């Protein structure tokens, strides 16, 4: 039987030498921040070589391009040379949305 793991997001990527560690997070069912938003909790870690990470990036980029072309995801018009922190709060009409990518709606 193949195991599956659900994660809400990648929490952090750490590179040490030739090893890449990708921490997967899911929203806590019990813990909330000061604004009442569920906070991400570490669930599992993927450890791979730099070469494996680079190859995986190409696969993910192709998947993202396919989702954009299919209209499942709409890309914001943010210039490539503008740095926006991933954890920057973004308004969503009902308050603030945390941990949302600044590149997509």
PDB file of N, CA and C in Angstrom:
ATOM      1  N   UNK A   1       0.836  -1.175   0.000  1.00  0.00           N
ATOM      2  CA  UNK A   1       0.000   0.000   0.000  1.00  0.00           C
ATOM      3  C   UNK A   1       0.885   1.244   0.000  1.00  0.00           C
ATOM      4  N   UNK A   2       0.530   2.207  -0.835  1.00  0.00           N
ATOM      5  CA  UNK A   2       1.282   3.445  -0.914  1.00  0.00           C
ATOM      6  C   UNK A   2       0.735   4.447   0.099  1.00  0.00           C
ATOM      7  N   UNK A   3       1.627   5.081   0.868  1.00  0.00           N
ATOM      8  CA  UNK A   3       1.201   6.089   1.830  1.00  0.00           C
ATOM      9  C   UNK A   3       1.055   7.432   1.145  1.00  0.00           C
ATOM     10  N   UNK A   4       0.089   8.219   1.600  1.00  0.00           N
ATOM     11  CA  UNK A   4      -0.085   9.579   1.128  1.00  0.00           C
ATOM     12  C   UNK A   4      -0.024  10.518   2.315  1.00  0.00           C
ATOM     13  N   UNK A   5       0.459  11.710   2.074  1.00  0.00           N
ATOM     14  CA  UNK A   5       0.559  12.733   3.106  1.00  0.00           C
ATOM     15  C   UNK A   5      -0.034  14.011   2.552  1.00  0.00           C
ATOM     16  N   UNK A   6      -0.927  14.631   3.303  1.00  0.00           N
ATOM     17  CA  UNK A   6      -1.479  15.919   2.905  1.00  0.00           C
ATOM     18  C   UNK A   6      -0.728  17.019   3.638  1.00  0.00           C
ATOM     19  N   UNK A   7      -0.388  18.078   2.924  1.00  0.00           N
ATOM     20  CA  UNK A   7       0.227  19.259   3.530  1.00  0.00           C
ATOM     21  C   UNK A   7      -0.430  20.487   2.912  1.00  0.00           C
ATOM     22  N   UNK A   8      -0.611  21.524   3.728  1.00  0.00           N
ATOM     23  CA  UNK A   8      -1.178  22.771   3.220  1.00  0.00           C
ATOM     24  C   UNK A   8      -0.153  23.597   2.466  1.00  0.00           C
ATOM     25  N   UNK A   9       1.124  23.439   2.803  1.00  0.00           N
ATOM     26  CA  UNK A   9       2.147  24.280   2.179  1.00  0.00           C
ATOM     27  C   UNK A   9       3.537  23.768   2.497  1.00  0.00           C
ATOM     28  N   UNK A  10       4.507  24.368   1.832  1.00  0.00           N
ATOM     29  CA  UNK A  10       5.906  24.205   2.202  1.00  0.00           C
ATOM     30  C   UNK A  10       6.206  25.317   3.183  1.00  0.00           C
ATOM     31  N   UNK A  11       6.655  24.950   4.371  1.00  0.00           N
ATOM     32  CA  UNK A  11       6.927  25.941   5.395  1.00  0.00           C
ATOM     33  C   UNK A  11       8.289  26.585   5.234  1.00  0.00           C
ATOM     34  N   UNK A  12       9.281  25.781   4.892  1.00  0.00           N
ATOM     35  CA  UNK A  12      10.642  26.299   4.782  1.00  0.00           C
ATOM     36  C   UNK A  12      11.476  25.348   3.935  1.00  0.00           C
ATOM     37  N   UNK A  13      12.421  25.908   3.206  1.00  0.00           N
ATOM     38  CA  UNK A  13      13.392  25.117   2.460  1.00  0.00           C
ATOM     39  C   UNK A  13      14.770  25.525   2.953  1.00  0.00           C
ATOM     40  N   UNK A  14      15.558  24.537   3.382  1.00  0.00           N
ATOM     41  CA  UNK A  14      16.895  24.790   3.908  1.00  0.00           C
ATOM     42  C   UNK A  14      17.908  24.011   3.078  1.00  0.00           C
ATOM     43  N   UNK A  15      18.968  24.700   2.672  1.00  0.00           N
ATOM     44  CA  UNK A  15      20.046  24.051   1.924  1.00  0.00           C
ATOM     45  C   UNK A  15      21.283  24.026   2.804  1.00  0.00           C
ATOM     46  N   UNK A  16      21.840  22.822   3.000  1.00  0.00           N
ATOM     47  CA  UNK A  16      23.067  22.645   3.760  1.00  0.00           C
ATOM     48  C   UNK A  16      24.011  21.815   2.906  1.00  0.00           C
ATOM     49  N   UNK A  17      25.024  22.460   2.378  1.00  0.00           N
ATOM     50  CA  UNK A  17      25.944  21.749   1.493  1.00  0.00           C
ATOM     51  C   UNK A  17      25.215  21.303   0.239  1.00  0.00           C
ATOM     52  N   UNK A  18      25.182  19.993   0.005  1.00  0.00           N
ATOM     53  CA  UNK A  18      24.514  19.453  -1.182  1.00  0.00           C
ATOM     54  C   UNK A  18      23.163  18.821  -0.851  1.00  0.00           C
ATOM     55  N   UNK A  19      22.642  19.105   0.347  1.00  0.00           N
ATOM     56  CA  UNK A  19      21.375  18.526   0.795  1.00  0.00           C
ATOM     57  C   UNK A  19      20.316  19.623   0.919  1.00  0.00           C
ATOM     58  N   UNK A  20      19.123  19.347   0.416  1.00  0.00           N
ATOM     59  CA  UNK A  20      17.992  20.268   0.513  1.00  0.00           C
ATOM     60  C   UNK A  20      16.944  19.626   1.418  1.00  0.00           C
ATOM     61  N   UNK A  21      16.474  20.393   2.387  1.00  0.00           N
ATOM     62  CA  UNK A  21      15.416  19.934   3.293  1.00  0.00           C
ATOM     63  C   UNK A  21      14.177  20.787   3.061  1.00  0.00           C
ATOM     64  N   UNK A  22      13.068  20.148   2.775  1.00  0.00           N
ATOM     65  CA  UNK A  22      11.800  20.830   2.507  1.00  0.00           C
ATOM     66  C   UNK A  22      10.832  20.452   3.616  1.00  0.00           C
ATOM     67  N   UNK A  23      10.456  21.426   4.434  1.00  0.00           N
ATOM     68  CA  UNK A  23       9.528  21.182   5.542  1.00  0.00           C
ATOM     69  C   UNK A  23       8.097  21.404   5.084  1.00  0.00           C
ATOM     70  N   UNK A  24       7.260  20.395   5.252  1.00  0.00           N
ATOM     71  CA  UNK A  24       5.847  20.475   4.906  1.00  0.00           C
ATOM     72  C   UNK A  24       5.051  20.848   6.143  1.00  0.00           C
ATOM     73  N   UNK A  25       4.077  21.742   5.981  1.00  0.00           N
ATOM     74  CA  UNK A  25       3.260  22.192   7.105  1.00  0.00           C
ATOM     75  C   UNK A  25       1.781  22.044   6.774  1.00  0.00           C
ATOM     76  N   UNK A  26       0.981  21.903   7.820  1.00  0.00           N
ATOM     77  CA  UNK A  26      -0.480  21.930   7.725  1.00  0.00           C
ATOM     78  C   UNK A  26      -0.998  22.838   8.821  1.00  0.00           C
ATOM     79  N   UNK A  27      -2.168  23.383   8.612  1.00  0.00           N
ATOM     80  CA  UNK A  27      -2.746  24.272   9.609  1.00  0.00           C
ATOM     81  C   UNK A  27      -3.144  23.483  10.847  1.00  0.00           C
ATOM     82  N   UNK A  28      -2.811  24.033  11.990  1.00  0.00           N
ATOM     83  CA  UNK A  28      -3.127  23.409  13.268  1.00  0.00           C
ATOM     84  C   UNK A  28      -4.638  23.342  13.457  1.00  0.00           C
ATOM     85  N   UNK A  29      -5.079  22.311  14.128  1.00  0.00           N
ATOM     86  CA  UNK A  29      -6.506  22.210  14.454  1.00  0.00           C
ATOM     87  C   UNK A  29      -6.810  22.878  15.787  1.00  0.00           C
ATOM     88  N   UNK A  30      -5.763  23.243  16.547  1.00  0.00           N
ATOM     89  CA  UNK A  30      -5.985  23.800  17.878  1.00  0.00           C
ATOM     90  C   UNK A  30      -5.298  25.141  18.122  1.00  0.00           C
ATOM     91  N   UNK A  31      -4.166  25.401  17.493  1.00  0.00           N
ATOM     92  CA  UNK A  31      -3.402  26.614  17.791  1.00  0.00           C
ATOM     93  C   UNK A  31      -3.769  27.746  16.834  1.00  0.00           C
ATOM     94  N   UNK A  32      -3.924  28.960  17.392  1.00  0.00           N
ATOM     95  CA  UNK A  32      -4.241  30.150  16.602  1.00  0.00           C
ATOM     96  C   UNK A  32      -3.282  31.272  16.970  1.00  0.00           C
ATOM     97  N   UNK A  33      -3.061  32.197  16.012  1.00  0.00           N
ATOM     98  CA  UNK A  33      -2.210  33.354  16.294  1.00  0.00           C
ATOM     99  C   UNK A  33      -3.026  34.460  16.954  1.00  0.00           C
ATOM    100  N   UNK A  34      -2.427  35.627  17.134  1.00  0.00           N
ATOM    101  CA  UNK A  34      -3.090  36.740  17.811  1.00  0.00           C
ATOM    102  C   UNK A  34      -4.311  37.257  17.057  1.00  0.00           C
ATOM    103  N   UNK A  35      -4.371  37.005  15.756  1.00  0.00           N
ATOM    104  CA  UNK A  35      -5.507  37.447  14.940  1.00  0.00           C
ATOM    105  C   UNK A  35      -6.578  36.371  14.806  1.00  0.00           C
ATOM    106  N   UNK A  36      -6.366  35.239  15.476  1.00  0.00           N
ATOM    107  CA  UNK A  36      -7.345  34.154  15.420  1.00  0.00           C
ATOM    108  C   UNK A  36      -7.184  33.223  14.233  1.00  0.00           C
ATOM    109  N   UNK A  37      -6.119  33.407  13.450  1.00  0.00           N
ATOM    110  CA  UNK A  37      -5.857  32.550  12.292  1.00  0.00           C
ATOM    111  C   UNK A  37      -5.173  31.265  12.752  1.00  0.00           C
ATOM    112  N   UNK A  38      -5.513  30.150  12.132  1.00  0.00           N
ATOM    113  CA  UNK A  38      -4.826  28.898  12.430  1.00  0.00           C
ATOM    114  C   UNK A  38      -3.359  29.025  12.052  1.00  0.00           C
ATOM    115  N   UNK A  39      -2.470  28.480  12.859  1.00  0.00           N
ATOM    116  CA  UNK A  39      -1.040  28.573  12.590  1.00  0.00           C
ATOM    117  C   UNK A  39      -0.530  27.278  11.958  1.00  0.00           C
ATOM    118  N   UNK A  40       0.478  27.391  11.094  1.00  0.00           N
ATOM    119  CA  UNK A  40       1.028  26.179  10.469  1.00  0.00           C
ATOM    120  C   UNK A  40       1.865  25.376  11.458  1.00  0.00           C
ATOM    121  N   UNK A  41       1.754  24.052  11.357  1.00  0.00           N
ATOM    122  CA  UNK A  41       2.545  23.133  12.184  1.00  0.00           C
ATOM    123  C   UNK A  41       3.356  22.225  11.267  1.00  0.00           C
ATOM    124  N   UNK A  42       4.595  21.942  11.660  1.00  0.00           N
ATOM    125  CA  UNK A  42       5.446  21.040  10.890  1.00  0.00           C
ATOM    126  C   UNK A  42       4.818  19.650  10.844  1.00  0.00           C
ATOM    127  N   UNK A  43       4.752  19.055   9.663  1.00  0.00           N
ATOM    128  CA  UNK A  43       4.183  17.706   9.518  1.00  0.00           C
ATOM    129  C   UNK A  43       5.222  16.679   9.127  1.00  0.00           C
ATOM    130  N   UNK A  44       6.025  17.016   8.122  1.00  0.00           N
ATOM    131  CA  UNK A  44       7.014  16.063   7.649  1.00  0.00           C
ATOM    132  C   UNK A  44       8.073  16.804   6.859  1.00  0.00           C
ATOM    133  N   UNK A  45       9.208  16.147   6.626  1.00  0.00           N
ATOM    134  CA  UNK A  45      10.310  16.763   5.896  1.00  0.00           C
ATOM    135  C   UNK A  45      10.718  15.871   4.738  1.00  0.00           C
ATOM    136  N   UNK A  46      10.967  16.513   3.603  1.00  0.00           N
ATOM    137  CA  UNK A  46      11.538  15.844   2.437  1.00  0.00           C
ATOM    138  C   UNK A  46      13.012  16.228   2.396  1.00  0.00           C
ATOM    139  N   UNK A  47      13.882  15.245   2.270  1.00  0.00           N
ATOM    140  CA  UNK A  47      15.316  15.495   2.180  1.00  0.00           C
ATOM    141  C   UNK A  47      15.788  14.941   0.849  1.00  0.00           C
ATOM    142  N   UNK A  48      16.479  15.787   0.066  1.00  0.00           N
ATOM    143  CA  UNK A  48      16.952  15.347  -1.247  1.00  0.00           C
ATOM    144  C   UNK A  48      18.246  16.051  -1.623  1.00  0.00           C
ATOM    145  N   UNK A  49      18.886  15.564  -2.656  1.00  0.00           N
ATOM    146  CA  UNK A  49      20.117  16.179  -3.150  1.00  0.00           C
ATOM    147  C   UNK A  49      19.777  17.465  -3.908  1.00  0.00           C
ATOM    148  N   UNK A  50      20.796  18.318  -4.114  1.00  0.00           N
ATOM    149  CA  UNK A  50      20.603  19.525  -4.920  1.00  0.00           C
ATOM    150  C   UNK A  50      20.138  19.167  -6.323  1.00  0.00           C
ATOM    151  N   UNK A  51      20.720  18.113  -6.897  1.00  0.00           N
ATOM    152  CA  UNK A  51      20.337  17.686  -8.241  1.00  0.00           C
ATOM    153  C   UNK A  51      18.869  17.236  -8.273  1.00  0.00           C
ATOM    154  N   UNK A  52      18.463  16.475  -7.263  1.00  0.00           N
ATOM    155  CA  UNK A  52      17.075  16.039  -7.185  1.00  0.00           C
ATOM    156  C   UNK A  52      16.127  17.213  -7.019  1.00  0.00           C
ATOM    157  N   UNK A  53      16.519  18.203  -6.214  1.00  0.00           N
ATOM    158  CA  UNK A  53      15.707  19.398  -6.021  1.00  0.00           C
ATOM    159  C   UNK A  53      15.576  20.173  -7.324  1.00  0.00           C
ATOM    160  N   UNK A  54      16.689  20.345  -8.034  1.00  0.00           N
ATOM    161  CA  UNK A  54      16.661  21.068  -9.307  1.00  0.00           C
ATOM    162  C   UNK A  54      15.748  20.361 -10.310  1.00  0.00           C
ATOM    163  N   UNK A  55      15.831  19.044 -10.381  1.00  0.00           N
ATOM    164  CA  UNK A  55      14.958  18.289 -11.275  1.00  0.00           C
ATOM    165  C   UNK A  55      13.495  18.415 -10.855  1.00  0.00           C
ATOM    166  N   UNK A  56      13.247  18.391  -9.544  1.00  0.00           N
ATOM    167  CA  UNK A  56      11.881  18.531  -9.031  1.00  0.00           C
ATOM    168  C   UNK A  56      11.323  19.910  -9.344  1.00  0.00           C
ATOM    169  N   UNK A  57      12.176  20.932  -9.271  1.00  0.00           N
ATOM    170  CA  UNK A  57      11.736  22.289  -9.581  1.00  0.00           C
ATOM    171  C   UNK A  57      11.214  22.370 -11.015  1.00  0.00           C
ATOM    172  N   UNK A  58      11.905  21.735 -11.948  1.00  0.00           N
ATOM    173  CA  UNK A  58      11.450  21.727 -13.339  1.00  0.00           C
ATOM    174  C   UNK A  58      10.075  21.068 -13.465  1.00  0.00           C
ATOM    175  N   UNK A  59       9.872  19.961 -12.754  1.00  0.00           N
ATOM    176  CA  UNK A  59       8.581  19.267 -12.787  1.00  0.00           C
ATOM    177  C   UNK A  59       7.478  20.158 -12.212  1.00  0.00           C
ATOM    178  N   UNK A  60       7.761  20.812 -11.068  1.00  0.00           N
ATOM    179  CA  UNK A  60       6.776  21.705 -10.455  1.00  0.00           C
ATOM    180  C   UNK A  60       6.483  22.904 -11.351  1.00  0.00           C
ATOM    181  N   UNK A  61       7.508  23.465 -11.996  1.00  0.00           N
ATOM    182  CA  UNK A  61       7.309  24.611 -12.885  1.00  0.00           C
ATOM    183  C   UNK A  61       6.426  24.215 -14.065  1.00  0.00           C
ATOM    184  N   UNK A  62       6.644  23.036 -14.622  1.00  0.00           N
ATOM    185  CA  UNK A  62       5.802  22.560 -15.722  1.00  0.00           C
ATOM    186  C   UNK A  62       4.355  22.371 -15.273  1.00  0.00           C
ATOM    187  N   UNK A  63       4.167  21.840 -14.068  1.00  0.00           N
ATOM    188  CA  UNK A  63       2.815  21.667 -13.533  1.00  0.00           C
ATOM    189  C   UNK A  63       2.150  23.019 -13.329  1.00  0.00           C
ATOM    190  N   UNK A  64       2.890  23.988 -12.790  1.00  0.00           N
ATOM    191  CA  UNK A  64       2.351  25.327 -12.573  1.00  0.00           C
ATOM    192  C   UNK A  64       1.965  25.979 -13.894  1.00  0.00           C
ATOM    193  N   UNK A  65       2.825  25.865 -14.882  1.00  0.00           N
ATOM    194  CA  UNK A  65       2.509  26.431 -16.194  1.00  0.00           C
ATOM    195  C   UNK A  65       1.244  25.808 -16.774  1.00  0.00           C
ATOM    196  N   UNK A  66       1.077  24.508 -16.597  1.00  0.00           N
ATOM    197  CA  UNK A  66      -0.136  23.838 -17.066  1.00  0.00           C
ATOM    198  C   UNK A  66      -1.384  24.342 -16.349  1.00  0.00           C
ATOM    199  N   UNK A  67      -1.294  24.557 -15.042  1.00  0.00           N
ATOM    200  CA  UNK A  67      -2.429  25.082 -14.272  1.00  0.00           C
ATOM    201  C   UNK A  67      -2.773  26.511 -14.692  1.00  0.00           C
ATOM    202  N   UNK A  68      -1.758  27.321 -14.977  1.00  0.00           N
ATOM    203  CA  UNK A  68      -1.997  28.690 -15.435  1.00  0.00           C
ATOM    204  C   UNK A  68      -2.661  28.671 -16.806  1.00  0.00           C
ATOM    205  N   UNK A  69      -2.140  27.852 -17.718  1.00  0.00           N
ATOM    206  CA  UNK A  69      -2.714  27.758 -19.063  1.00  0.00           C
ATOM    207  C   UNK A  69      -4.149  27.248 -19.034  1.00  0.00           C
ATOM    208  N   UNK A  70      -4.457  26.357 -18.095  1.00  0.00           N
ATOM    209  CA  UNK A  70      -5.805  25.806 -17.987  1.00  0.00           C
ATOM    210  C   UNK A  70      -6.763  26.771 -17.291  1.00  0.00           C
ATOM    211  N   UNK A  71      -6.225  27.846 -16.713  1.00  0.00           N
ATOM    212  CA  UNK A  71      -7.068  28.822 -16.030  1.00  0.00           C
ATOM    213  C   UNK A  71      -7.378  28.460 -14.591  1.00  0.00           C
ATOM    214  N   UNK A  72      -6.756  27.402 -14.065  1.00  0.00           N
ATOM    215  CA  UNK A  72      -7.005  26.999 -12.683  1.00  0.00           C
ATOM    216  C   UNK A  72      -6.344  27.971 -11.704  1.00  0.00           C
ATOM    217  N   UNK A  73      -5.273  28.618 -12.152  1.00  0.00           N
ATOM    218  CA  UNK A  73      -4.546  29.603 -11.345  1.00  0.00           C
ATOM    219  C   UNK A  73      -4.318  30.822 -12.209  1.00  0.00           C
ATOM    220  N   UNK A  74      -4.520  31.992 -11.607  1.00  0.00           N
ATOM    221  CA  UNK A  74      -4.291  33.234 -12.335  1.00  0.00           C
ATOM    222  C   UNK A  74      -3.073  33.918 -11.743  1.00  0.00           C
ATOM    223  N   UNK A  75      -2.137  34.280 -12.596  1.00  0.00           N
ATOM    224  CA  UNK A  75      -0.901  34.923 -12.159  1.00  0.00           C
ATOM    225  C   UNK A  75      -1.130  36.418 -12.005  1.00  0.00           C
ATOM    226  N   UNK A  76      -0.658  36.990 -10.876  1.00  0.00           N
ATOM    227  CA  UNK A  76      -0.711  38.435 -10.674  1.00  0.00           C
ATOM    228  C   UNK A  76       0.327  39.106 -11.556  1.00  0.00           C
ATOM    229  N   UNK A  77       0.115  40.356 -11.865  1.00  0.00           N
ATOM    230  CA  UNK A  77       1.086  41.113 -12.648  1.00  0.00           C
ATOM    231  C   UNK A  77       2.064  41.812 -11.721  1.00  0.00           C
ATOM    232  N   UNK A  78       2.951  41.030 -11.106  1.00  0.00           N
ATOM    233  CA  UNK A  78       3.983  41.565 -10.222  1.00  0.00           C
ATOM    234  C   UNK A  78       5.296  41.493 -10.983  1.00  0.00           C
ATOM    235  N   UNK A  79       5.994  42.641 -11.152  1.00  0.00           N
ATOM    236  CA  UNK A  79       7.279  42.600 -11.865  1.00  0.00           C
ATOM    237  C   UNK A  79       8.237  41.620 -11.211  1.00  0.00           C
ATOM    238  N   UNK A  80       9.051  40.933 -12.035  1.00  0.00           N
ATOM    239  CA  UNK A  80       9.990  39.933 -11.533  1.00  0.00           C
ATOM    240  C   UNK A  80      11.036  40.513 -10.598  1.00  0.00           C
ATOM    241  N   UNK A  81      11.348  41.806 -10.728  1.00  0.00           N
ATOM    242  CA  UNK A  81      12.400  42.395  -9.903  1.00  0.00           C
ATOM    243  C   UNK A  81      11.878  42.957  -8.583  1.00  0.00           C
ATOM    244  N   UNK A  82      10.592  42.746  -8.275  1.00  0.00           N
ATOM    245  CA  UNK A  82      10.018  43.216  -7.022  1.00  0.00           C
ATOM    246  C   UNK A  82       9.978  42.050  -6.042  1.00  0.00           C
ATOM    247  N   UNK A  83      10.602  42.220  -4.896  1.00  0.00           N
ATOM    248  CA  UNK A  83      10.617  41.173  -3.870  1.00  0.00           C
ATOM    249  C   UNK A  83       9.474  41.415  -2.899  1.00  0.00           C
ATOM    250  N   UNK A  84       8.604  40.432  -2.747  1.00  0.00           N
ATOM    251  CA  UNK A  84       7.487  40.511  -1.817  1.00  0.00           C
ATOM    252  C   UNK A  84       7.631  39.353  -0.846  1.00  0.00           C
ATOM    253  N   UNK A  85       7.717  39.628   0.470  1.00  0.00           N
ATOM    254  CA  UNK A  85       7.846  38.529   1.437  1.00  0.00           C
ATOM    255  C   UNK A  85       6.663  37.567   1.350  1.00  0.00           C
ATOM    256  N   UNK A  86       6.933  36.276   1.380  1.00  0.00           N
ATOM    257  CA  UNK A  86       5.876  35.272   1.292  1.00  0.00           C
ATOM    258  C   UNK A  86       4.908  35.389   2.452  1.00  0.00           C
ATOM    259  N   UNK A  87       5.398  35.721   3.635  1.00  0.00           N
ATOM    260  CA  UNK A  87       4.541  35.792   4.808  1.00  0.00           C
ATOM    261  C   UNK A  87       3.897  37.160   5.006  1.00  0.00           C
ATOM    262  N   UNK A  88       4.026  38.049   4.014  1.00  0.00           N
ATOM    263  CA  UNK A  88       3.413  39.370   4.146  1.00  0.00           C
ATOM    264  C   UNK A  88       1.901  39.236   4.142  1.00  0.00           C
ATOM    265  N   UNK A  89       1.191  39.878   5.079  1.00  0.00           N
ATOM    266  CA  UNK A  89      -0.265  39.809   5.103  1.00  0.00           C
ATOM    267  C   UNK A  89      -0.854  40.430   3.853  1.00  0.00           C
ATOM    268  N   UNK A  90      -1.910  39.818   3.328  1.00  0.00           N
ATOM    269  CA  UNK A  90      -2.581  40.329   2.149  1.00  0.00           C
ATOM    270  C   UNK A  90      -4.062  40.460   2.453  1.00  0.00           C
ATOM    271  N   UNK A  91      -4.668  41.604   2.125  1.00  0.00           N
ATOM    272  CA  UNK A  91      -6.100  41.763   2.382  1.00  0.00           C
ATOM    273  C   UNK A  91      -6.914  40.816   1.514  1.00  0.00           C
ATOM    274  N   UNK A  92      -8.040  40.327   2.066  1.00  0.00           N
ATOM    275  CA  UNK A  92      -8.889  39.427   1.285  1.00  0.00           C
ATOM    276  C   UNK A  92     -10.361  39.805   1.368  1.00  0.00           C
ATOM    277  N   UNK A  93     -10.680  40.998   1.810  1.00  0.00           N
ATOM    278  CA  UNK A  93     -12.065  41.420   1.913  1.00  0.00           C
ATOM    279  C   UNK A  93     -12.648  41.183   3.291  1.00  0.00           C
ATOM    280  N   UNK A  94     -12.211  40.129   3.985  1.00  0.00           N
ATOM    281  CA  UNK A  94     -12.706  39.818   5.329  1.00  0.00           C
ATOM    282  C   UNK A  94     -11.642  40.048   6.383  1.00  0.00           C
ATOM    283  N   UNK A  95     -10.549  40.670   6.006  1.00  0.00           N
ATOM    284  CA  UNK A  95      -9.468  40.864   6.964  1.00  0.00           C
ATOM    285  C   UNK A  95      -8.144  40.611   6.306  1.00  0.00           C
ATOM    286  N   UNK A  96      -7.362  39.735   6.896  1.00  0.00           N
ATOM    287  CA  UNK A  96      -6.019  39.479   6.405  1.00  0.00           C
ATOM    288  C   UNK A  96      -5.847  37.994   6.158  1.00  0.00           C
ATOM    289  N   UNK A  97      -5.187  37.668   5.070  1.00  0.00           N
ATOM    290  CA  UNK A  97      -4.886  36.273   4.752  1.00  0.00           C
ATOM    291  C   UNK A  97      -3.393  36.061   4.937  1.00  0.00           C
ATOM    292  N   UNK A  98      -2.994  35.088   5.741  1.00  0.00           N
ATOM    293  CA  UNK A  98      -1.593  34.829   6.018  1.00  0.00           C
ATOM    294  C   UNK A  98      -1.088  33.667   5.187  1.00  0.00           C
ATOM    295  N   UNK A  99       0.233  33.650   4.976  1.00  0.00           N
ATOM    296  CA  UNK A  99       0.925  32.556   4.299  1.00  0.00           C
ATOM    297  C   UNK A  99       0.398  32.283   2.903  1.00  0.00           C
ATOM    298  N   UNK A 100      -0.049  33.333   2.216  1.00  0.00           N
ATOM    299  CA  UNK A 100      -0.494  33.187   0.837  1.00  0.00           C
ATOM    300  C   UNK A 100       0.606  33.644  -0.084  1.00  0.00           C
ATOM    301  N   UNK A 101       0.762  32.984  -1.206  1.00  0.00           N
ATOM    302  CA  UNK A 101       1.772  33.384  -2.157  1.00  0.00           C
ATOM    303  C   UNK A 101       1.443  34.755  -2.730  1.00  0.00           C
ATOM    304  N   UNK A 102       2.401  35.666  -2.807  1.00  0.00           N
ATOM    305  CA  UNK A 102       2.147  36.983  -3.367  1.00  0.00           C
ATOM    306  C   UNK A 102       2.007  36.937  -4.879  1.00  0.00           C
ATOM    307  N   UNK A 103       2.328  35.788  -5.500  1.00  0.00           N
ATOM    308  CA  UNK A 103       2.298  35.693  -6.960  1.00  0.00           C
ATOM    309  C   UNK A 103       0.977  35.232  -7.536  1.00  0.00           C
ATOM    310  N   UNK A 104       0.081  34.734  -6.685  1.00  0.00           N
ATOM    311  CA  UNK A 104      -1.167  34.182  -7.177  1.00  0.00           C
ATOM    312  C   UNK A 104      -2.344  34.637  -6.344  1.00  0.00           C
ATOM    313  N   UNK A 105      -3.514  34.779  -6.974  1.00  0.00           N
ATOM    314  CA  UNK A 105      -4.746  35.100  -6.251  1.00  0.00           C
ATOM    315  C   UNK A 105      -5.407  33.823  -5.792  1.00  0.00           C
TER     316      UNK A 105
END
